[in-house]
Protein backbone atom coordinates (compact mmCIF):
# COMPACT_ATOMS: atom_id res chain seq x y z
CA MET A 1 41.75 96.71 18.01
CA VAL A 2 41.11 100.10 19.57
CA SER A 3 37.36 99.73 19.08
CA ARG A 4 37.39 96.33 20.80
CA VAL A 5 39.26 97.75 23.79
CA SER A 6 36.80 100.65 24.00
CA ALA A 7 33.87 98.24 23.80
CA ALA A 8 35.37 96.11 26.57
CA ARG A 9 35.86 99.16 28.77
CA GLY A 10 32.28 100.25 28.11
CA TRP A 11 31.01 96.78 29.07
CA VAL A 12 32.99 96.84 32.33
CA ARG A 13 31.71 100.33 33.19
CA SER A 14 28.11 99.27 32.55
CA ARG A 15 28.54 96.37 34.99
CA MET A 16 30.08 98.37 37.82
CA PRO A 17 27.72 99.27 40.70
CA GLU A 18 26.38 102.82 40.55
CA ARG A 19 27.02 104.84 43.71
CA ARG A 20 23.48 106.27 43.71
CA PHE A 21 21.98 102.74 43.77
CA LEU A 22 24.62 101.02 45.93
CA LYS A 23 22.89 101.34 49.31
CA ALA A 24 19.43 100.43 47.95
CA ASP A 25 20.77 97.32 46.18
CA LEU A 26 22.83 96.23 49.18
CA VAL A 27 19.87 96.45 51.56
CA ALA A 28 17.34 95.01 49.09
CA ALA A 29 19.52 91.91 48.66
CA ILE A 30 19.19 90.87 52.32
CA PRO A 31 15.56 89.65 52.23
CA GLY A 32 16.30 87.80 49.00
CA ALA A 33 19.28 86.03 50.53
CA ILE A 34 17.35 85.09 53.67
CA SER A 35 14.41 83.72 51.70
CA SER A 36 16.86 81.80 49.50
CA VAL A 37 17.82 79.63 52.48
CA PRO A 38 14.49 77.78 52.72
CA ASP A 39 13.86 78.02 48.97
CA GLY A 40 17.28 76.60 48.10
CA MET A 41 17.02 73.79 50.65
CA ALA A 42 13.52 72.92 49.47
CA SER A 43 14.70 72.81 45.84
CA GLY A 44 17.44 70.35 46.79
CA VAL A 45 14.85 68.12 48.44
CA LEU A 46 12.63 68.42 45.38
CA ALA A 47 15.48 67.25 43.16
CA GLY A 48 16.03 64.22 45.42
CA VAL A 49 19.48 65.24 46.68
CA SER A 50 20.95 66.92 49.75
CA PRO A 51 19.55 70.43 50.37
CA VAL A 52 23.13 71.72 50.31
CA HIS A 53 23.07 71.61 46.49
CA GLY A 54 20.16 74.03 46.52
CA LEU A 55 21.99 76.31 48.96
CA TYR A 56 25.11 76.38 46.80
CA ALA A 57 23.03 77.14 43.71
CA SER A 58 21.33 79.99 45.57
CA PHE A 59 24.60 81.87 45.93
CA ALA A 60 26.30 80.87 42.67
CA GLY A 61 23.33 81.56 40.35
CA PRO A 62 22.80 85.23 41.34
CA LEU A 63 26.54 85.85 41.68
CA PHE A 64 27.63 84.52 38.28
CA GLY A 65 24.47 85.11 36.25
CA GLY A 66 23.42 88.45 37.74
CA MET A 67 26.24 90.35 36.05
CA GLN A 68 25.05 89.40 32.55
CA THR A 69 21.28 89.89 32.58
CA SER A 70 19.60 92.44 30.33
CA THR A 71 16.51 92.23 32.58
CA LYS A 72 18.23 94.16 35.33
CA LEU A 73 16.25 92.96 38.34
CA MET A 74 16.15 89.29 37.27
CA VAL A 75 17.35 86.92 40.00
CA ILE A 76 18.86 83.69 38.68
CA THR A 77 18.39 81.06 41.35
CA THR A 78 16.67 77.74 42.03
CA THR A 79 13.14 77.27 40.71
CA GLY A 80 10.56 74.59 41.39
CA ALA A 81 10.21 73.64 37.72
CA SER A 82 13.95 73.17 37.11
CA ALA A 83 14.34 71.29 40.43
CA LEU A 84 11.49 68.93 39.58
CA ALA A 85 12.88 68.41 36.08
CA ALA A 86 16.28 67.60 37.54
CA GLY A 87 14.76 65.21 40.06
CA SER A 88 12.78 63.47 37.31
CA ALA A 89 15.91 63.09 35.19
CA LEU A 90 17.87 61.59 38.10
CA ALA A 91 15.13 59.22 39.28
CA GLU A 92 16.85 56.17 37.73
CA VAL A 93 20.37 57.15 38.82
CA GLN A 94 21.84 55.26 41.77
CA GLU A 95 21.60 57.25 45.00
CA ALA A 96 25.39 57.31 45.51
CA GLU A 97 25.94 58.79 42.03
CA ARG A 98 23.00 61.20 42.11
CA PRO A 99 24.86 64.27 43.49
CA GLY A 100 27.59 63.98 40.85
CA ALA A 101 25.01 63.42 38.11
CA LEU A 102 23.07 66.49 39.28
CA ILE A 103 26.16 68.70 39.06
CA LEU A 104 26.97 67.36 35.58
CA LEU A 105 23.35 67.91 34.52
CA THR A 106 23.60 71.52 35.68
CA LEU A 107 26.77 72.01 33.63
CA ILE A 108 25.15 70.51 30.52
CA ALA A 109 22.07 72.70 30.92
CA GLY A 110 24.29 75.78 31.30
CA ALA A 111 26.28 74.92 28.17
CA VAL A 112 23.05 74.44 26.20
CA MET A 113 21.79 77.85 27.35
CA VAL A 114 25.01 79.59 26.33
CA ALA A 115 24.89 77.82 22.96
CA ALA A 116 21.28 78.96 22.53
CA ALA A 117 22.40 82.54 23.16
CA VAL A 118 25.30 82.28 20.68
CA LEU A 119 22.95 80.85 18.04
CA ARG A 120 20.46 83.64 18.83
CA LEU A 121 17.55 81.31 19.53
CA GLY A 122 15.77 83.71 21.88
CA ARG A 123 13.09 84.45 19.31
CA TYR A 124 11.95 80.82 19.37
CA THR A 125 10.60 81.04 22.91
CA ARG A 126 7.46 82.56 21.41
CA PHE A 127 6.67 79.20 19.80
CA VAL A 128 5.84 77.78 23.24
CA SER A 129 2.25 78.91 23.61
CA HIS A 130 0.84 80.56 26.73
CA SER A 131 -1.65 77.69 27.08
CA VAL A 132 1.10 75.04 27.01
CA MET A 133 3.27 76.92 29.49
CA THR A 134 0.34 77.48 31.85
CA GLY A 135 -0.59 73.79 31.69
CA PHE A 136 2.99 72.78 32.32
CA LEU A 137 3.54 75.13 35.28
CA THR A 138 0.17 74.18 36.78
CA GLY A 139 1.11 70.51 36.45
CA ILE A 140 4.46 71.25 38.09
CA ALA A 141 2.67 72.95 40.99
CA VAL A 142 0.30 70.02 41.50
CA ASN A 143 3.21 67.56 41.26
CA ILE A 144 5.11 69.49 43.94
CA VAL A 145 2.09 69.49 46.27
CA LEU A 146 1.41 65.78 45.79
CA GLY A 147 5.08 64.87 46.06
CA GLN A 148 5.71 66.85 49.24
CA ILE A 149 2.72 65.44 51.11
CA VAL A 150 4.95 62.45 51.86
CA ASP A 151 7.63 64.55 53.59
CA LEU A 152 4.97 66.68 55.26
CA THR A 153 3.46 63.61 56.92
CA GLY A 154 6.66 61.64 57.48
CA ALA A 155 5.09 58.60 55.79
CA THR A 156 6.74 55.85 53.76
CA VAL A 157 4.96 55.29 50.44
CA SER A 158 5.53 53.74 47.03
CA GLY A 159 4.76 54.92 43.50
CA SER A 160 6.51 55.93 40.30
CA VAL A 161 4.98 59.42 40.09
CA ALA A 162 3.79 61.95 42.66
CA LEU A 163 0.13 61.18 41.94
CA ALA A 164 0.67 57.48 42.68
CA LYS A 165 2.55 58.27 45.90
CA ALA A 166 -0.21 60.58 47.11
CA PHE A 167 -2.84 57.92 46.33
CA ASP A 168 -0.83 55.31 48.25
CA LEU A 169 -0.71 57.65 51.25
CA VAL A 170 -4.44 58.42 51.17
CA THR A 171 -5.28 54.72 51.04
CA ASN A 172 -2.86 53.92 53.90
CA PRO A 173 -3.29 56.75 56.45
CA THR A 174 -1.84 54.66 59.28
CA ARG A 175 1.64 55.29 57.87
CA ILE A 176 1.44 58.98 58.81
CA ASP A 177 3.82 60.07 61.57
CA LEU A 178 1.80 62.42 63.79
CA PRO A 179 4.74 64.56 65.08
CA SER A 180 5.92 65.07 61.49
CA LEU A 181 2.44 66.02 60.34
CA LEU A 182 1.98 68.52 63.18
CA THR A 183 5.41 70.04 62.50
CA GLY A 184 4.59 70.49 58.82
CA LEU A 185 1.13 71.90 59.53
CA LEU A 186 2.59 74.40 61.99
CA ALA A 187 5.00 75.61 59.29
CA LEU A 188 2.12 75.92 56.80
CA VAL A 189 0.02 77.92 59.26
CA LEU A 190 2.94 80.28 59.91
CA LEU A 191 3.47 80.78 56.17
CA ILE A 192 -0.19 81.53 55.55
CA VAL A 193 -0.61 83.89 58.53
CA LEU A 194 2.68 85.77 58.15
CA ALA A 195 2.11 86.28 54.40
CA ARG A 196 -0.57 88.83 55.37
CA THR A 197 1.68 90.80 57.75
CA ARG A 198 4.75 93.02 57.63
CA LEU A 199 6.86 89.93 58.27
CA ALA A 200 5.94 88.46 54.88
CA LEU A 201 9.49 88.88 53.56
CA PHE A 202 10.81 86.67 56.37
CA SER A 203 7.86 84.28 56.65
CA ALA A 204 9.67 81.30 55.10
CA LEU A 205 12.63 81.69 57.50
CA ILE A 206 10.33 81.97 60.52
CA ALA A 207 8.40 78.92 59.31
CA LEU A 208 11.69 76.99 59.44
CA VAL A 209 13.03 78.29 62.74
CA VAL A 210 9.95 78.04 64.97
CA PRO A 211 9.08 74.38 64.20
CA CYS A 212 12.78 73.53 64.40
CA LEU A 213 13.00 74.91 67.96
CA ILE A 214 9.86 73.01 68.97
CA VAL A 215 11.17 69.73 67.53
CA ILE A 216 14.49 70.15 69.38
CA PHE A 217 12.86 71.25 72.65
CA PHE A 218 10.40 68.34 72.79
CA GLY A 219 12.87 65.80 71.44
CA LEU A 220 10.66 64.64 68.56
CA ASP A 221 13.13 62.10 67.19
CA SER A 222 10.66 60.61 64.68
CA VAL A 223 10.70 63.87 62.70
CA ALA A 224 13.26 63.64 59.86
CA ARG A 225 15.95 66.34 59.71
CA VAL A 226 17.97 67.74 56.83
CA ALA A 227 21.09 66.05 58.23
CA ASP A 228 19.34 62.70 57.68
CA VAL A 229 19.32 63.36 53.93
CA GLY A 230 23.02 64.17 53.65
CA THR A 231 25.99 65.76 55.36
CA ILE A 232 26.01 69.56 55.40
CA PRO A 233 29.59 70.84 54.86
CA THR A 234 30.77 73.88 56.77
CA GLY A 235 32.67 76.85 55.42
CA ILE A 236 32.96 78.31 51.93
CA PRO A 237 32.28 75.79 49.14
CA LEU A 238 35.25 75.27 46.86
CA PRO A 239 35.03 74.96 43.07
CA GLN A 240 35.12 71.44 41.68
CA ILE A 241 35.25 69.74 38.30
CA PRO A 242 32.11 67.67 37.54
CA ASP A 243 32.61 63.92 37.06
CA LEU A 244 32.46 63.48 33.28
CA GLY A 245 32.43 59.71 33.77
CA LEU A 246 28.72 59.99 34.65
CA LEU A 247 27.90 61.42 31.21
CA SER A 248 25.14 59.51 29.41
CA PRO A 249 22.66 60.14 26.55
CA SER A 250 19.77 60.37 29.02
CA LEU A 251 21.63 62.99 31.06
CA ILE A 252 22.35 65.02 27.91
CA GLY A 253 18.66 64.83 26.93
CA ALA A 254 17.67 65.93 30.42
CA GLY A 255 20.08 68.86 30.14
CA PHE A 256 18.28 70.05 27.01
CA ALA A 257 14.90 69.66 28.74
CA VAL A 258 16.03 71.62 31.82
CA ALA A 259 17.48 74.32 29.55
CA ALA A 260 14.18 74.61 27.67
CA ILE A 261 12.21 74.97 30.90
CA VAL A 262 14.58 77.55 32.34
CA LEU A 263 14.75 79.63 29.16
CA VAL A 264 10.98 79.81 28.69
CA GLN A 265 10.52 80.72 32.36
CA GLY A 266 13.25 83.34 32.01
CA ALA A 267 11.35 84.91 29.12
CA GLY A 268 8.33 85.08 31.42
CA VAL A 269 10.40 86.84 34.07
CA ALA A 270 11.46 89.47 31.53
CA GLU A 271 7.80 90.14 30.69
CA ALA A 272 6.75 90.30 34.34
CA SER A 273 9.59 92.60 35.46
CA PRO A 274 10.42 95.11 32.70
CA ASN A 275 13.38 97.43 33.20
CA ARG A 276 12.48 100.61 35.05
CA ASP A 277 14.61 102.78 32.76
CA GLY A 278 12.55 101.70 29.75
CA SER A 279 15.34 99.70 28.10
CA ARG A 280 14.29 96.51 26.36
CA SER A 281 15.19 93.05 27.64
CA LEU A 282 17.29 91.03 25.21
CA PRO A 283 16.29 87.34 25.21
CA ASN A 284 19.65 86.09 23.97
CA GLN A 285 21.55 88.06 26.61
CA ASP A 286 19.26 86.65 29.32
CA PHE A 287 19.83 83.17 27.84
CA SER A 288 23.56 83.69 28.20
CA ALA A 289 23.21 85.01 31.76
CA GLN A 290 21.22 81.98 32.86
CA GLY A 291 23.70 79.68 31.15
CA ILE A 292 26.62 81.30 32.95
CA GLY A 293 24.68 81.09 36.22
CA ASN A 294 24.25 77.33 35.71
CA ILE A 295 27.91 76.81 34.83
CA GLY A 296 28.90 78.72 37.98
CA SER A 297 26.41 76.68 40.01
CA ALA A 298 27.85 73.41 38.67
CA LEU A 299 31.43 74.44 39.48
CA PHE A 300 30.44 75.02 43.11
CA GLY A 301 28.36 71.86 43.50
CA GLY A 302 24.97 73.47 42.87
CA MET A 303 21.86 72.43 40.95
CA PRO A 304 20.08 73.97 37.93
CA VAL A 305 19.08 77.62 38.24
CA GLY A 306 17.06 80.05 36.15
CA GLY A 307 15.20 83.30 36.22
CA SER A 308 12.87 83.09 39.23
CA VAL A 309 9.56 84.93 39.09
CA GLY A 310 9.19 84.93 42.89
CA GLN A 311 12.73 86.01 43.73
CA THR A 312 12.71 88.68 41.02
CA ALA A 313 9.44 90.08 42.38
CA LEU A 314 10.91 90.05 45.90
CA ASN A 315 14.03 91.83 44.62
CA ALA A 316 11.88 94.59 43.11
CA THR A 317 9.61 94.83 46.16
CA ALA A 318 12.61 95.16 48.50
CA GLY A 319 13.81 98.21 46.56
CA ALA A 320 16.58 96.94 44.24
CA ARG A 321 17.48 99.44 41.53
CA SER A 322 20.01 97.60 39.35
CA ARG A 323 21.39 94.13 38.57
CA TRP A 324 23.60 94.44 41.64
CA GLY A 325 20.56 93.73 43.82
CA ALA A 326 20.71 90.13 42.54
CA VAL A 327 24.51 89.98 42.73
CA PHE A 328 24.52 91.19 46.34
CA SER A 329 21.89 88.59 47.25
CA GLY A 330 24.37 85.93 46.12
CA ILE A 331 27.10 87.50 48.25
CA TRP A 332 24.81 87.71 51.29
CA MET A 333 23.83 84.09 50.72
CA LEU A 334 27.50 83.11 50.80
CA VAL A 335 27.90 84.94 54.11
CA ILE A 336 24.92 83.05 55.55
CA LEU A 337 26.39 79.75 54.41
CA VAL A 338 29.70 80.46 56.12
CA LEU A 339 28.14 81.61 59.40
CA PHE A 340 25.15 79.28 59.79
CA SER A 341 25.81 76.14 57.74
CA GLY A 342 26.07 74.11 60.95
CA LEU A 343 22.44 74.89 61.83
CA VAL A 344 21.05 73.82 58.45
CA GLY A 345 21.20 70.11 59.30
CA LYS A 346 18.79 70.59 62.22
CA VAL A 347 15.92 71.86 60.04
CA PRO A 348 12.95 69.41 60.04
CA MET A 349 12.08 67.99 56.62
CA PRO A 350 8.31 68.59 57.05
CA THR A 351 8.96 72.33 57.24
CA LEU A 352 10.74 72.28 53.87
CA ALA A 353 7.80 70.35 52.47
CA ALA A 354 5.50 73.06 53.83
CA VAL A 355 7.58 75.78 52.12
CA LEU A 356 7.35 73.93 48.79
CA ILE A 357 3.61 73.31 49.10
CA PHE A 358 2.92 76.93 50.00
CA ALA A 359 5.00 78.21 47.07
CA ALA A 360 3.44 75.71 44.65
CA VAL A 361 -0.13 76.63 45.59
CA GLY A 362 0.74 80.31 45.29
CA SER A 363 2.13 79.79 41.79
CA VAL A 364 -1.18 78.54 40.40
CA ARG A 365 -3.01 81.26 38.46
CA PRO A 366 -6.78 80.47 38.45
CA ALA A 367 -7.61 83.63 36.48
CA GLN A 368 -5.18 82.68 33.70
CA ILE A 369 -6.52 79.13 33.57
CA ALA A 370 -10.13 80.38 33.40
CA SER A 371 -9.20 82.80 30.60
CA ILE A 372 -7.55 80.01 28.60
CA LEU A 373 -10.56 77.72 29.07
CA ARG A 374 -12.69 80.43 27.43
CA SER A 375 -10.27 80.97 24.52
CA GLY A 376 -11.37 78.15 22.24
CA PRO A 377 -10.78 74.42 21.67
CA SER A 378 -7.12 74.71 20.64
CA SER A 379 -6.15 76.53 23.83
CA VAL A 380 -8.10 74.09 26.00
CA ILE A 381 -6.49 71.07 24.30
CA ALA A 382 -3.02 72.56 24.80
CA LEU A 383 -3.66 73.35 28.47
CA VAL A 384 -5.24 70.01 29.42
CA THR A 385 -2.84 67.82 27.42
CA THR A 386 0.27 69.45 28.86
CA PHE A 387 -1.17 69.39 32.38
CA ILE A 388 -1.96 65.65 32.21
CA ALA A 389 1.41 64.86 30.61
CA THR A 390 3.19 66.71 33.43
CA LEU A 391 1.28 64.75 36.05
CA LEU A 392 1.74 61.29 34.54
CA LEU A 393 5.06 61.43 32.67
CA PRO A 394 8.64 62.42 33.51
CA VAL A 395 9.10 66.18 33.29
CA THR A 396 11.52 65.86 30.35
CA ALA A 397 8.86 63.97 28.34
CA ALA A 398 6.20 66.51 29.32
CA VAL A 399 8.42 69.34 28.09
CA GLY A 400 8.90 67.60 24.74
CA ILE A 401 5.17 67.01 24.39
CA GLY A 402 4.45 70.65 25.27
CA VAL A 403 6.91 72.04 22.71
CA ALA A 404 5.70 69.65 19.98
CA LEU A 405 2.08 70.48 20.79
CA SER A 406 2.79 74.22 20.59
CA ILE A 407 4.30 73.82 17.11
CA LEU A 408 1.48 71.57 15.89
CA LEU A 409 -1.19 73.95 17.15
CA GLN A 410 0.63 76.86 15.53
CA LEU A 411 0.76 75.10 12.16
CA ASN A 412 -2.85 73.94 12.47
CA GLN A 413 -4.08 77.43 13.34
CA GLU A 414 -2.17 78.96 10.43
CA ALA A 415 -3.76 76.42 8.09
CA VAL A 416 -7.24 77.01 9.53
CA ASP A 417 -6.84 80.79 9.33
CA LEU A 418 -5.87 80.72 5.64
CA LYS A 419 -8.31 82.67 3.48
CA VAL A 420 -8.50 83.19 -0.31
CA VAL A 421 -10.27 86.32 -1.60
CA ARG A 422 -10.98 87.74 -5.06
CA LEU A 423 -9.67 91.14 -6.14
CA ARG A 424 -11.65 93.07 -8.79
CA PRO A 425 -10.24 96.17 -10.51
CA THR A 426 -12.45 99.24 -10.00
CA ASP A 427 -13.03 102.14 -12.40
CA ASP A 428 -10.58 104.38 -10.50
CA GLY A 429 -7.75 101.83 -10.76
CA LEU A 430 -8.04 100.32 -7.31
CA LEU A 431 -8.68 96.69 -6.29
CA GLU A 432 -11.93 95.67 -4.57
CA GLU A 433 -11.98 92.58 -2.34
CA SER A 434 -14.80 90.00 -2.45
CA ASP A 435 -15.35 86.29 -1.81
CA ALA A 436 -13.38 83.94 -4.06
CA PRO A 437 -15.52 82.00 -6.54
CA LYS A 438 -16.02 78.26 -6.06
CA THR A 439 -15.59 77.55 -9.80
CA LEU A 440 -14.07 79.29 -12.82
CA ALA A 441 -15.94 80.52 -15.88
CA SER A 442 -14.76 80.32 -19.49
CA GLY A 443 -12.66 83.26 -20.70
CA GLU A 444 -12.69 84.86 -17.25
CA ILE A 445 -9.78 86.59 -15.49
CA VAL A 446 -9.83 85.92 -11.73
CA VAL A 447 -7.41 87.75 -9.42
CA LEU A 448 -6.88 86.02 -6.05
CA ASP A 449 -5.11 87.12 -2.88
CA VAL A 450 -4.19 84.86 0.04
CA TYR A 451 -4.21 85.60 3.78
CA GLY A 452 -2.33 83.23 6.09
CA SER A 453 0.68 80.96 6.01
CA LEU A 454 1.48 78.92 2.89
CA PHE A 455 3.90 76.67 4.73
CA TYR A 456 3.23 72.90 4.77
CA ALA A 457 -0.43 72.45 5.81
CA GLY A 458 -1.21 76.01 4.69
CA ALA A 459 -0.31 75.08 1.10
CA ARG A 460 -2.64 72.07 1.24
CA THR A 461 -5.41 74.30 2.63
CA LEU A 462 -4.84 76.70 -0.29
CA GLN A 463 -5.30 73.75 -2.64
CA VAL A 464 -8.81 73.22 -1.23
CA HIS A 465 -9.75 76.92 -1.48
CA LEU A 466 -8.58 77.57 -5.06
CA PRO A 467 -11.51 77.86 -7.51
CA ASP A 468 -12.26 74.62 -9.36
CA PRO A 469 -11.46 74.99 -13.11
CA GLY A 470 -14.11 72.36 -13.97
CA ASP A 471 -14.79 72.35 -17.74
CA ALA A 472 -14.15 76.08 -18.25
CA GLU A 473 -12.39 77.16 -21.45
CA SER A 474 -9.32 79.42 -21.24
CA PRO A 475 -9.65 80.35 -17.53
CA GLU A 476 -7.03 82.89 -16.46
CA VAL A 477 -6.07 82.97 -12.76
CA ILE A 478 -3.75 85.51 -11.13
CA LEU A 479 -2.49 84.67 -7.64
CA ARG A 480 -1.08 87.65 -5.73
CA LEU A 481 1.81 86.64 -3.43
CA ARG A 482 3.24 90.00 -2.37
CA GLY A 483 5.38 89.86 0.80
CA ARG A 484 6.12 86.11 0.66
CA THR A 485 9.85 85.58 1.13
CA THR A 486 9.83 81.76 0.93
CA LEU A 487 7.52 79.32 -0.80
CA GLY A 488 8.28 75.70 0.02
CA ALA A 489 8.18 72.45 -1.93
CA THR A 490 4.59 71.68 -0.86
CA PHE A 491 3.41 75.03 -2.23
CA PHE A 492 5.33 74.42 -5.47
CA LYS A 493 3.61 71.03 -5.89
CA VAL A 494 0.15 72.54 -5.27
CA ILE A 495 0.76 75.38 -7.74
CA ALA A 496 2.29 73.05 -10.34
CA ASP A 497 -0.79 70.82 -10.25
CA TYR A 498 -3.18 73.78 -10.47
CA ALA A 499 -1.22 75.36 -13.32
CA ASP A 500 -1.32 72.03 -15.19
CA ARG A 501 -5.12 71.82 -14.83
CA LEU A 502 -5.49 75.38 -16.20
CA ASP A 503 -3.06 74.69 -19.04
CA ARG A 504 -5.01 71.62 -20.18
CA LEU A 505 -8.11 73.83 -20.45
CA GLY A 506 -6.23 76.43 -22.51
CA GLY A 507 -5.87 78.77 -19.54
CA ARG A 508 -2.90 80.07 -17.62
CA LEU A 509 -1.78 80.74 -14.02
CA TYR A 510 0.02 83.99 -13.17
CA LEU A 511 1.95 84.68 -9.95
CA SER A 512 2.32 88.39 -9.12
CA GLY A 513 4.15 90.35 -6.45
CA LEU A 514 7.06 87.90 -6.20
CA THR A 515 10.13 88.96 -4.21
CA PRO A 516 13.65 88.47 -5.64
CA GLU A 517 14.19 85.56 -3.21
CA VAL A 518 11.16 83.73 -4.57
CA LEU A 519 11.99 84.51 -8.19
CA ASP A 520 15.44 82.97 -7.72
CA CYS A 521 13.75 79.68 -6.78
CA TRP A 522 11.03 79.92 -9.42
CA ASP A 523 13.22 80.66 -12.44
CA ALA A 524 12.45 79.48 -15.97
CA ASP A 525 14.86 76.52 -15.77
CA ARG A 526 13.13 75.03 -12.73
CA LEU A 527 9.67 75.54 -14.20
CA ALA A 528 10.71 73.99 -17.50
CA SER A 529 12.39 71.00 -15.85
CA GLN A 530 9.18 70.32 -13.92
CA GLY A 531 6.97 70.88 -16.95
CA VAL A 532 5.13 73.78 -15.29
CA SER A 533 3.52 76.44 -17.48
CA LEU A 534 2.87 79.71 -15.66
CA GLU A 535 3.87 83.37 -15.71
CA THR A 536 5.71 85.23 -12.93
CA PHE A 537 5.77 88.97 -12.20
CA ALA A 538 8.21 90.63 -9.83
CA ALA A 539 6.98 92.91 -7.08
CA THR A 540 7.60 96.65 -7.48
CA PRO A 541 7.58 99.45 -4.89
CA ILE A 542 4.10 100.45 -6.16
CA LEU A 543 1.33 98.32 -4.65
CA GLY A 544 -0.73 96.47 -7.25
CA GLU A 545 1.56 97.32 -10.16
CA SER A 546 2.79 93.76 -10.79
CA THR A 547 -0.80 92.46 -10.45
CA GLY A 548 -1.88 95.04 -13.02
CA GLN A 549 0.84 93.81 -15.35
CA ALA A 550 -0.42 90.25 -14.91
CA ILE A 551 -4.00 91.36 -15.70
CA GLU A 552 -2.81 93.09 -18.89
CA GLU A 553 -0.93 89.96 -19.97
CA ALA A 554 -3.98 87.78 -19.28
CA GLU A 555 -6.20 90.14 -21.33
CA ARG A 556 -3.75 90.08 -24.27
CA ARG A 557 -3.68 86.29 -24.11
CA LEU A 558 -7.47 86.08 -24.19
CA VAL A 559 -7.56 88.47 -27.17
CA ARG A 560 -5.11 86.26 -29.05
CA LYS A 561 -7.24 83.21 -28.19
CA ARG A 562 -10.36 84.85 -29.59
């Protein structure tokens, strides 16, 4: 009991702001909070709901999730990928029910993330390949650009996906509203120009304010405003309980998809922004932090959040020194909401589209794509397939395809990389490696070692590479398996068949270097029940000792035969 209390006190102390970093974190949080206004609003638009949900998420995510992160400068807030995934999941939901469904989706995603942390699934993020993730994020960026062209131009179009909507607009240019287009282009020009100046930290805010003043001054009524999308409440948002009556299997599936996207992106944030004190980021702790951030966002009417590469980089650039830089950005964001929420409704929609387009184009990494395209057929297939799936399918389906493709490519590569070599004893007692023979000779002892995975397809690849017994008499084969902790049913079937072929020729198969875990599964009872004749030798601390024992046994057997 005493140790638990001490641990709790230590946790609280580690989360308290440090006096030496307090001023730096407090000041560094201001640019992040200001930039979160356009980013949060744009994310709400991207998800197909009122921008207010993005604003609420932009204060709740950093505030609730920032206290838990192991990546100390990580900012948990709205991201383009999670917003697009949420919008894709809610596309078939009736417009009146969409806000409630979004909040419930955020809660589900948060619960899935916390469960992933409890189950310690952080290590599995490495199974999503770099090629798949690059293809997915590039597809997301292109989808955002194509989807926001409609709001940028003020046109009315039709189409089930962003690509179809953009094509409809290009083929019907008369639908473009000129004032809306000029407003959006002005915002884009401001973003591009200011990004190269000292005002870069505030460029997104300026790109909102200047066009907004022009639209109001000239009375450009044809330009859509944020207030046209939904009512913007004033004051501090109050916590609310999500409507569980909107729960559906599709919403649960979407929650898992959003969680997968957020968690993989969060792992990328940890790689891009390592802790300055040299401490390691803990994937499961970051999973939990993002989950808590989503639960907090849902309780205050927000949308899905996750570790943001852009906001985290801004947090570091502005001089944040600890996790309180992110927490303070959430507090500052809450202050902005209370003081200026009444002005949010006047922001022109084309300017938000411009912010999204600018961010999406900036997120594309041509150098990474070029590197992947030079990395071999598997990487190219992963990149192109995921990119096309993201463009043409709902984001949730694209995520599933990307994860499945990553696993398939991993298994395929492990099977392709499998190699069987021959080991020959030398005069000084060592083992010399050479190419494995294609066939076996009569009365010959062949020692084989295997490089690569023996799981599923790897076991079948081993079957192809094992020397063919042919018509040899009394062939003796020793297969070295040192370091293998598990050998599945497919491997057992392959070995059983090979051992049977050797046995019918008067030979024998020997397995050396077996761990206790493997020996427990390959005991005499199991071998006898399956009718398998082979010899097993346990691994010892001395390398090659069990293989030497197998060689001695094979030699004695050949002597008895002769």
